[in-house]
Amino acid sequence: MADDLKQEEKKADAKKAVSTILKVILGLVFLVLGIWAIFAWRADLLMGIRGCIGLFLVLAAIITFAIAKE
């Protein structure tokens, strides 16, 4: 009975370890793809950031006015 429980625990630990390894590998793949996308579309990324600066400043102003109103 105790041996069965130990074997089940070992199986569960092995499954957990494999799951963790797969998640780490998937995370590394996404990280590499993200870095590649930044380099590949650098000009478009910078244009998007420049386009968002105005919207960010408007949002900051609205939040500032809301805080000042209190």
PDB file of N, CA and C in Angstrom:
ATOM      1  N   MET A   1       0.828  -1.199   0.000  1.00  0.00           N
ATOM      2  CA  MET A   1       0.000   0.000   0.000  1.00  0.00           C
ATOM      3  C   MET A   1       0.870   1.260   0.000  1.00  0.00           C
ATOM      4  N   ALA A   2       1.872   1.276   0.865  1.00  0.00           N
ATOM      5  CA  ALA A   2       2.755   2.430   0.944  1.00  0.00           C
ATOM      6  C   ALA A   2       3.585   2.543  -0.337  1.00  0.00           C
ATOM      7  N   ASP A   3       3.959   1.389  -0.898  1.00  0.00           N
ATOM      8  CA  ASP A   3       4.726   1.406  -2.143  1.00  0.00           C
ATOM      9  C   ASP A   3       3.908   1.989  -3.281  1.00  0.00           C
ATOM     10  N   ASP A   4       2.607   1.670  -3.305  1.00  0.00           N
ATOM     11  CA  ASP A   4       1.728   2.213  -4.345  1.00  0.00           C
ATOM     12  C   ASP A   4       1.638   3.730  -4.247  1.00  0.00           C
ATOM     13  N   LEU A   5       1.537   4.230  -3.029  1.00  0.00           N
ATOM     14  CA  LEU A   5       1.460   5.679  -2.835  1.00  0.00           C
ATOM     15  C   LEU A   5       2.758   6.355  -3.271  1.00  0.00           C
ATOM     16  N   LYS A   6       3.887   5.749  -2.961  1.00  0.00           N
ATOM     17  CA  LYS A   6       5.176   6.321  -3.361  1.00  0.00           C
ATOM     18  C   LYS A   6       5.314   6.340  -4.878  1.00  0.00           C
ATOM     19  N   GLN A   7       4.853   5.272  -5.525  1.00  0.00           N
ATOM     20  CA  GLN A   7       4.927   5.220  -6.987  1.00  0.00           C
ATOM     21  C   GLN A   7       4.023   6.268  -7.614  1.00  0.00           C
ATOM     22  N   GLU A   8       2.831   6.448  -7.053  1.00  0.00           N
ATOM     23  CA  GLU A   8       1.912   7.457  -7.573  1.00  0.00           C
ATOM     24  C   GLU A   8       2.489   8.858  -7.384  1.00  0.00           C
ATOM     25  N   GLU A   9       3.143   9.084  -6.238  1.00  0.00           N
ATOM     26  CA  GLU A   9       3.767  10.386  -6.001  1.00  0.00           C
ATOM     27  C   GLU A   9       4.902  10.631  -6.992  1.00  0.00           C
ATOM     28  N   LYS A  10       5.688   9.585  -7.276  1.00  0.00           N
ATOM     29  CA  LYS A  10       6.775   9.728  -8.237  1.00  0.00           C
ATOM     30  C   LYS A  10       6.226  10.029  -9.629  1.00  0.00           C
ATOM     31  N   LYS A  11       5.128   9.372 -10.001  1.00  0.00           N
ATOM     32  CA  LYS A  11       4.508   9.630 -11.305  1.00  0.00           C
ATOM     33  C   LYS A  11       3.991  11.056 -11.375  1.00  0.00           C
ATOM     34  N   ALA A  12       3.357  11.510 -10.285  1.00  0.00           N
ATOM     35  CA  ALA A  12       2.828  12.876 -10.257  1.00  0.00           C
ATOM     36  C   ALA A  12       3.970  13.894 -10.325  1.00  0.00           C
ATOM     37  N   ASP A  13       5.064  13.614  -9.618  1.00  0.00           N
ATOM     38  CA  ASP A  13       6.223  14.517  -9.654  1.00  0.00           C
ATOM     39  C   ASP A  13       6.832  14.548 -11.054  1.00  0.00           C
ATOM     40  N   ALA A  14       6.893  13.395 -11.707  1.00  0.00           N
ATOM     41  CA  ALA A  14       7.457  13.333 -13.058  1.00  0.00           C
ATOM     42  C   ALA A  14       6.582  14.120 -14.033  1.00  0.00           C
ATOM     43  N   LYS A  15       5.267  13.976 -13.913  1.00  0.00           N
ATOM     44  CA  LYS A  15       4.359  14.721 -14.787  1.00  0.00           C
ATOM     45  C   LYS A  15       4.489  16.218 -14.549  1.00  0.00           C
ATOM     46  N   LYS A  16       4.638  16.599 -13.290  1.00  0.00           N
ATOM     47  CA  LYS A  16       4.782  18.020 -12.959  1.00  0.00           C
ATOM     48  C   LYS A  16       6.089  18.566 -13.529  1.00  0.00           C
ATOM     49  N   ALA A  17       7.149  17.776 -13.441  1.00  0.00           N
ATOM     50  CA  ALA A  17       8.438  18.207 -13.964  1.00  0.00           C
ATOM     51  C   ALA A  17       8.393  18.366 -15.479  1.00  0.00           C
ATOM     52  N   VAL A  18       7.776  17.415 -16.163  1.00  0.00           N
ATOM     53  CA  VAL A  18       7.659  17.501 -17.620  1.00  0.00           C
ATOM     54  C   VAL A  18       6.820  18.709 -18.011  1.00  0.00           C
ATOM     55  N   SER A  19       5.752  18.933 -17.279  1.00  0.00           N
ATOM     56  CA  SER A  19       4.895  20.088 -17.554  1.00  0.00           C
ATOM     57  C   SER A  19       5.666  21.392 -17.371  1.00  0.00           C
ATOM     58  N   THR A  20       6.454  21.476 -16.325  1.00  0.00           N
ATOM     59  CA  THR A  20       7.243  22.677 -16.071  1.00  0.00           C
ATOM     60  C   THR A  20       8.279  22.890 -17.173  1.00  0.00           C
ATOM     61  N   ILE A  21       8.938  21.824 -17.593  1.00  0.00           N
ATOM     62  CA  ILE A  21       9.944  21.932 -18.655  1.00  0.00           C
ATOM     63  C   ILE A  21       9.298  22.407 -19.949  1.00  0.00           C
ATOM     64  N   LEU A  22       8.132  21.863 -20.284  1.00  0.00           N
ATOM     65  CA  LEU A  22       7.441  22.287 -21.504  1.00  0.00           C
ATOM     66  C   LEU A  22       7.042  23.758 -21.436  1.00  0.00           C
ATOM     67  N   LYS A  23       6.615  24.203 -20.270  1.00  0.00           N
ATOM     68  CA  LYS A  23       6.232  25.610 -20.109  1.00  0.00           C
ATOM     69  C   LYS A  23       7.444  26.522 -20.261  1.00  0.00           C
ATOM     70  N   VAL A  24       8.580  26.110 -19.731  1.00  0.00           N
ATOM     71  CA  VAL A  24       9.798  26.912 -19.858  1.00  0.00           C
ATOM     72  C   VAL A  24      10.227  26.981 -21.317  1.00  0.00           C
ATOM     73  N   ILE A  25      10.179  25.855 -22.016  1.00  0.00           N
ATOM     74  CA  ILE A  25      10.543  25.835 -23.436  1.00  0.00           C
ATOM     75  C   ILE A  25       9.605  26.727 -24.237  1.00  0.00           C
ATOM     76  N   LEU A  26       8.312  26.639 -23.974  1.00  0.00           N
ATOM     77  CA  LEU A  26       7.339  27.481 -24.669  1.00  0.00           C
ATOM     78  C   LEU A  26       7.593  28.957 -24.377  1.00  0.00           C
ATOM     79  N   GLY A  27       7.922  29.279 -23.126  1.00  0.00           N
ATOM     80  CA  GLY A  27       8.238  30.658 -22.769  1.00  0.00           C
ATOM     81  C   GLY A  27       9.461  31.171 -23.508  1.00  0.00           C
ATOM     82  N   LEU A  28      10.481  30.317 -23.629  1.00  0.00           N
ATOM     83  CA  LEU A  28      11.679  30.723 -24.369  1.00  0.00           C
ATOM     84  C   LEU A  28      11.379  30.932 -25.850  1.00  0.00           C
ATOM     85  N   VAL A  29      10.526  30.082 -26.414  1.00  0.00           N
ATOM     86  CA  VAL A  29      10.144  30.244 -27.820  1.00  0.00           C
ATOM     87  C   VAL A  29       9.427  31.576 -28.017  1.00  0.00           C
ATOM     88  N   PHE A  30       8.486  31.897 -27.137  1.00  0.00           N
ATOM     89  CA  PHE A  30       7.776  33.172 -27.238  1.00  0.00           C
ATOM     90  C   PHE A  30       8.734  34.349 -27.060  1.00  0.00           C
ATOM     91  N   LEU A  31       9.702  34.216 -26.162  1.00  0.00           N
ATOM     92  CA  LEU A  31      10.672  35.284 -25.948  1.00  0.00           C
ATOM     93  C   LEU A  31      11.506  35.523 -27.199  1.00  0.00           C
ATOM     94  N   VAL A  32      11.972  34.456 -27.823  1.00  0.00           N
ATOM     95  CA  VAL A  32      12.764  34.595 -29.048  1.00  0.00           C
ATOM     96  C   VAL A  32      11.922  35.206 -30.163  1.00  0.00           C
ATOM     97  N   LEU A  33      10.680  34.740 -30.308  1.00  0.00           N
ATOM     98  CA  LEU A  33       9.808  35.306 -31.338  1.00  0.00           C
ATOM     99  C   LEU A  33       9.526  36.787 -31.082  1.00  0.00           C
ATOM    100  N   GLY A  34       9.357  37.164 -29.825  1.00  0.00           N
ATOM    101  CA  GLY A  34       9.120  38.560 -29.490  1.00  0.00           C
ATOM    102  C   GLY A  34      10.312  39.446 -29.812  1.00  0.00           C
ATOM    103  N   ILE A  35      11.497  38.967 -29.471  1.00  0.00           N
ATOM    104  CA  ILE A  35      12.711  39.736 -29.778  1.00  0.00           C
ATOM    105  C   ILE A  35      12.898  39.845 -31.280  1.00  0.00           C
ATOM    106  N   TRP A  36      12.658  38.748 -31.989  1.00  0.00           N
ATOM    107  CA  TRP A  36      12.761  38.782 -33.452  1.00  0.00           C
ATOM    108  C   TRP A  36      11.773  39.780 -34.044  1.00  0.00           C
ATOM    109  N   ALA A  37      10.535  39.797 -33.531  1.00  0.00           N
ATOM    110  CA  ALA A  37       9.523  40.713 -34.049  1.00  0.00           C
ATOM    111  C   ALA A  37       9.922  42.168 -33.814  1.00  0.00           C
ATOM    112  N   ILE A  38      10.522  42.440 -32.655  1.00  0.00           N
ATOM    113  CA  ILE A  38      10.960  43.813 -32.376  1.00  0.00           C
ATOM    114  C   ILE A  38      12.006  44.251 -33.392  1.00  0.00           C
ATOM    115  N   PHE A  39      12.977  43.386 -33.665  1.00  0.00           N
ATOM    116  CA  PHE A  39      14.011  43.749 -34.638  1.00  0.00           C
ATOM    117  C   PHE A  39      13.468  43.801 -36.058  1.00  0.00           C
ATOM    118  N   ALA A  40      12.580  42.882 -36.399  1.00  0.00           N
ATOM    119  CA  ALA A  40      12.064  42.828 -37.770  1.00  0.00           C
ATOM    120  C   ALA A  40      11.170  44.030 -38.082  1.00  0.00           C
ATOM    121  N   TRP A  41      10.370  44.452 -37.108  1.00  0.00           N
ATOM    122  CA  TRP A  41       9.412  45.532 -37.352  1.00  0.00           C
ATOM    123  C   TRP A  41       9.749  46.760 -36.517  1.00  0.00           C
ATOM    124  N   ARG A  42      11.032  47.046 -36.404  1.00  0.00           N
ATOM    125  CA  ARG A  42      11.484  48.156 -35.576  1.00  0.00           C
ATOM    126  C   ARG A  42      10.880  49.487 -36.012  1.00  0.00           C
ATOM    127  N   ALA A  43      10.863  49.750 -37.310  1.00  0.00           N
ATOM    128  CA  ALA A  43      10.342  51.035 -37.804  1.00  0.00           C
ATOM    129  C   ALA A  43       8.851  51.168 -37.493  1.00  0.00           C
ATOM    130  N   ASP A  44       8.110  50.093 -37.720  1.00  0.00           N
ATOM    131  CA  ASP A  44       6.676  50.133 -37.426  1.00  0.00           C
ATOM    132  C   ASP A  44       6.417  50.286 -35.928  1.00  0.00           C
ATOM    133  N   LEU A  45       7.242  49.638 -35.129  1.00  0.00           N
ATOM    134  CA  LEU A  45       7.099  49.740 -33.681  1.00  0.00           C
ATOM    135  C   LEU A  45       7.325  51.173 -33.216  1.00  0.00           C
ATOM    136  N   LEU A  46       8.384  51.799 -33.729  1.00  0.00           N
ATOM    137  CA  LEU A  46       8.665  53.184 -33.345  1.00  0.00           C
ATOM    138  C   LEU A  46       7.555  54.124 -33.796  1.00  0.00           C
ATOM    139  N   MET A  47       7.004  53.870 -34.980  1.00  0.00           N
ATOM    140  CA  MET A  47       5.904  54.702 -35.463  1.00  0.00           C
ATOM    141  C   MET A  47       4.678  54.537 -34.551  1.00  0.00           C
ATOM    142  N   GLY A  48       4.414  53.315 -34.119  1.00  0.00           N
ATOM    143  CA  GLY A  48       3.297  53.076 -33.213  1.00  0.00           C
ATOM    144  C   GLY A  48       3.492  53.743 -31.874  1.00  0.00           C
ATOM    145  N   ILE A  49       4.723  53.697 -31.371  1.00  0.00           N
ATOM    146  CA  ILE A  49       5.013  54.358 -30.091  1.00  0.00           C
ATOM    147  C   ILE A  49       4.843  55.861 -30.222  1.00  0.00           C
ATOM    148  N   ARG A  50       5.349  56.417 -31.319  1.00  0.00           N
ATOM    149  CA  ARG A  50       5.180  57.859 -31.536  1.00  0.00           C
ATOM    150  C   ARG A  50       3.707  58.233 -31.655  1.00  0.00           C
ATOM    151  N   GLY A  51       2.921  57.374 -32.278  1.00  0.00           N
ATOM    152  CA  GLY A  51       1.494  57.645 -32.419  1.00  0.00           C
ATOM    153  C   GLY A  51       0.750  57.567 -31.100  1.00  0.00           C
ATOM    154  N   CYS A  52       1.255  56.783 -30.169  1.00  0.00           N
ATOM    155  CA  CYS A  52       0.577  56.617 -28.880  1.00  0.00           C
ATOM    156  C   CYS A  52       0.953  57.688 -27.863  1.00  0.00           C
ATOM    157  N   ILE A  53       2.011  58.429 -28.129  1.00  0.00           N
ATOM    158  CA  ILE A  53       2.453  59.436 -27.161  1.00  0.00           C
ATOM    159  C   ILE A  53       1.364  60.477 -26.933  1.00  0.00           C
ATOM    160  N   GLY A  54       0.726  60.925 -27.988  1.00  0.00           N
ATOM    161  CA  GLY A  54      -0.341  61.924 -27.847  1.00  0.00           C
ATOM    162  C   GLY A  54      -1.514  61.393 -27.039  1.00  0.00           C
ATOM    163  N   LEU A  55      -1.924  60.169 -27.330  1.00  0.00           N
ATOM    164  CA  LEU A  55      -3.030  59.578 -26.571  1.00  0.00           C
ATOM    165  C   LEU A  55      -2.657  59.399 -25.101  1.00  0.00           C
ATOM    166  N   PHE A  56      -1.421  59.010 -24.840  1.00  0.00           N
ATOM    167  CA  PHE A  56      -0.965  58.862 -23.461  1.00  0.00           C
ATOM    168  C   PHE A  56      -1.015  60.189 -22.730  1.00  0.00           C
ATOM    169  N   LEU A  57      -0.582  61.259 -23.371  1.00  0.00           N
ATOM    170  CA  LEU A  57      -0.596  62.576 -22.732  1.00  0.00           C
ATOM    171  C   LEU A  57      -2.018  63.058 -22.467  1.00  0.00           C
ATOM    172  N   VAL A  58      -2.930  62.780 -23.392  1.00  0.00           N
ATOM    173  CA  VAL A  58      -4.341  63.143 -23.177  1.00  0.00           C
ATOM    174  C   VAL A  58      -4.899  62.367 -21.988  1.00  0.00           C
ATOM    175  N   LEU A  59      -4.608  61.093 -21.906  1.00  0.00           N
ATOM    176  CA  LEU A  59      -5.072  60.274 -20.785  1.00  0.00           C
ATOM    177  C   LEU A  59      -4.473  60.774 -19.475  1.00  0.00           C
ATOM    178  N   ALA A  60      -3.205  61.119 -19.480  1.00  0.00           N
ATOM    179  CA  ALA A  60      -2.561  61.663 -18.274  1.00  0.00           C
ATOM    180  C   ALA A  60      -3.232  62.964 -17.846  1.00  0.00           C
ATOM    181  N   ALA A  61      -3.596  63.809 -18.803  1.00  0.00           N
ATOM    182  CA  ALA A  61      -4.268  65.069 -18.483  1.00  0.00           C
ATOM    183  C   ALA A  61      -5.641  64.815 -17.872  1.00  0.00           C
ATOM    184  N   ILE A  62      -6.384  63.877 -18.443  1.00  0.00           N
ATOM    185  CA  ILE A  62      -7.720  63.559 -17.912  1.00  0.00           C
ATOM    186  C   ILE A  62      -7.614  63.034 -16.482  1.00  0.00           C
ATOM    187  N   ILE A  63      -6.643  62.150 -16.240  1.00  0.00           N
ATOM    188  CA  ILE A  63      -6.450  61.628 -14.878  1.00  0.00           C
ATOM    189  C   ILE A  63      -6.048  62.740 -13.924  1.00  0.00           C
ATOM    190  N   THR A  64      -5.189  63.647 -14.373  1.00  0.00           N
ATOM    191  CA  THR A  64      -4.766  64.769 -13.537  1.00  0.00           C
ATOM    192  C   THR A  64      -5.939  65.665 -13.187  1.00  0.00           C
ATOM    193  N   PHE A  65      -6.796  65.950 -14.179  1.00  0.00           N
ATOM    194  CA  PHE A  65      -7.990  66.772 -13.911  1.00  0.00           C
ATOM    195  C   PHE A  65      -8.942  66.065 -12.951  1.00  0.00           C
ATOM    196  N   ALA A  66      -9.075  64.750 -13.088  1.00  0.00           N
ATOM    197  CA  ALA A  66      -9.970  64.005 -12.197  1.00  0.00           C
ATOM    198  C   ALA A  66      -9.440  64.033 -10.763  1.00  0.00           C
ATOM    199  N   ILE A  67      -8.125  63.933 -10.603  1.00  0.00           N
ATOM    200  CA  ILE A  67      -7.543  64.000  -9.271  1.00  0.00           C
ATOM    201  C   ILE A  67      -7.684  65.403  -8.685  1.00  0.00           C
ATOM    202  N   ALA A  68      -7.472  66.423  -9.522  1.00  0.00           N
ATOM    203  CA  ALA A  68      -7.568  67.809  -9.060  1.00  0.00           C
ATOM    204  C   ALA A  68      -8.991  68.177  -8.677  1.00  0.00           C
ATOM    205  N   LYS A  69      -9.964  67.548  -9.328  1.00  0.00           N
ATOM    206  CA  LYS A  69     -11.370  67.856  -9.060  1.00  0.00           C
ATOM    207  C   LYS A  69     -11.761  67.431  -7.648  1.00  0.00           C
ATOM    208  N   GLU A  70     -11.134  66.387  -7.144  1.00  0.00           N
ATOM    209  CA  GLU A  70     -11.452  65.905  -5.791  1.00  0.00           C
ATOM    210  C   GLU A  70     -10.939  66.888  -4.814  1.00  0.00           C
TER     211      GLU A  70
END
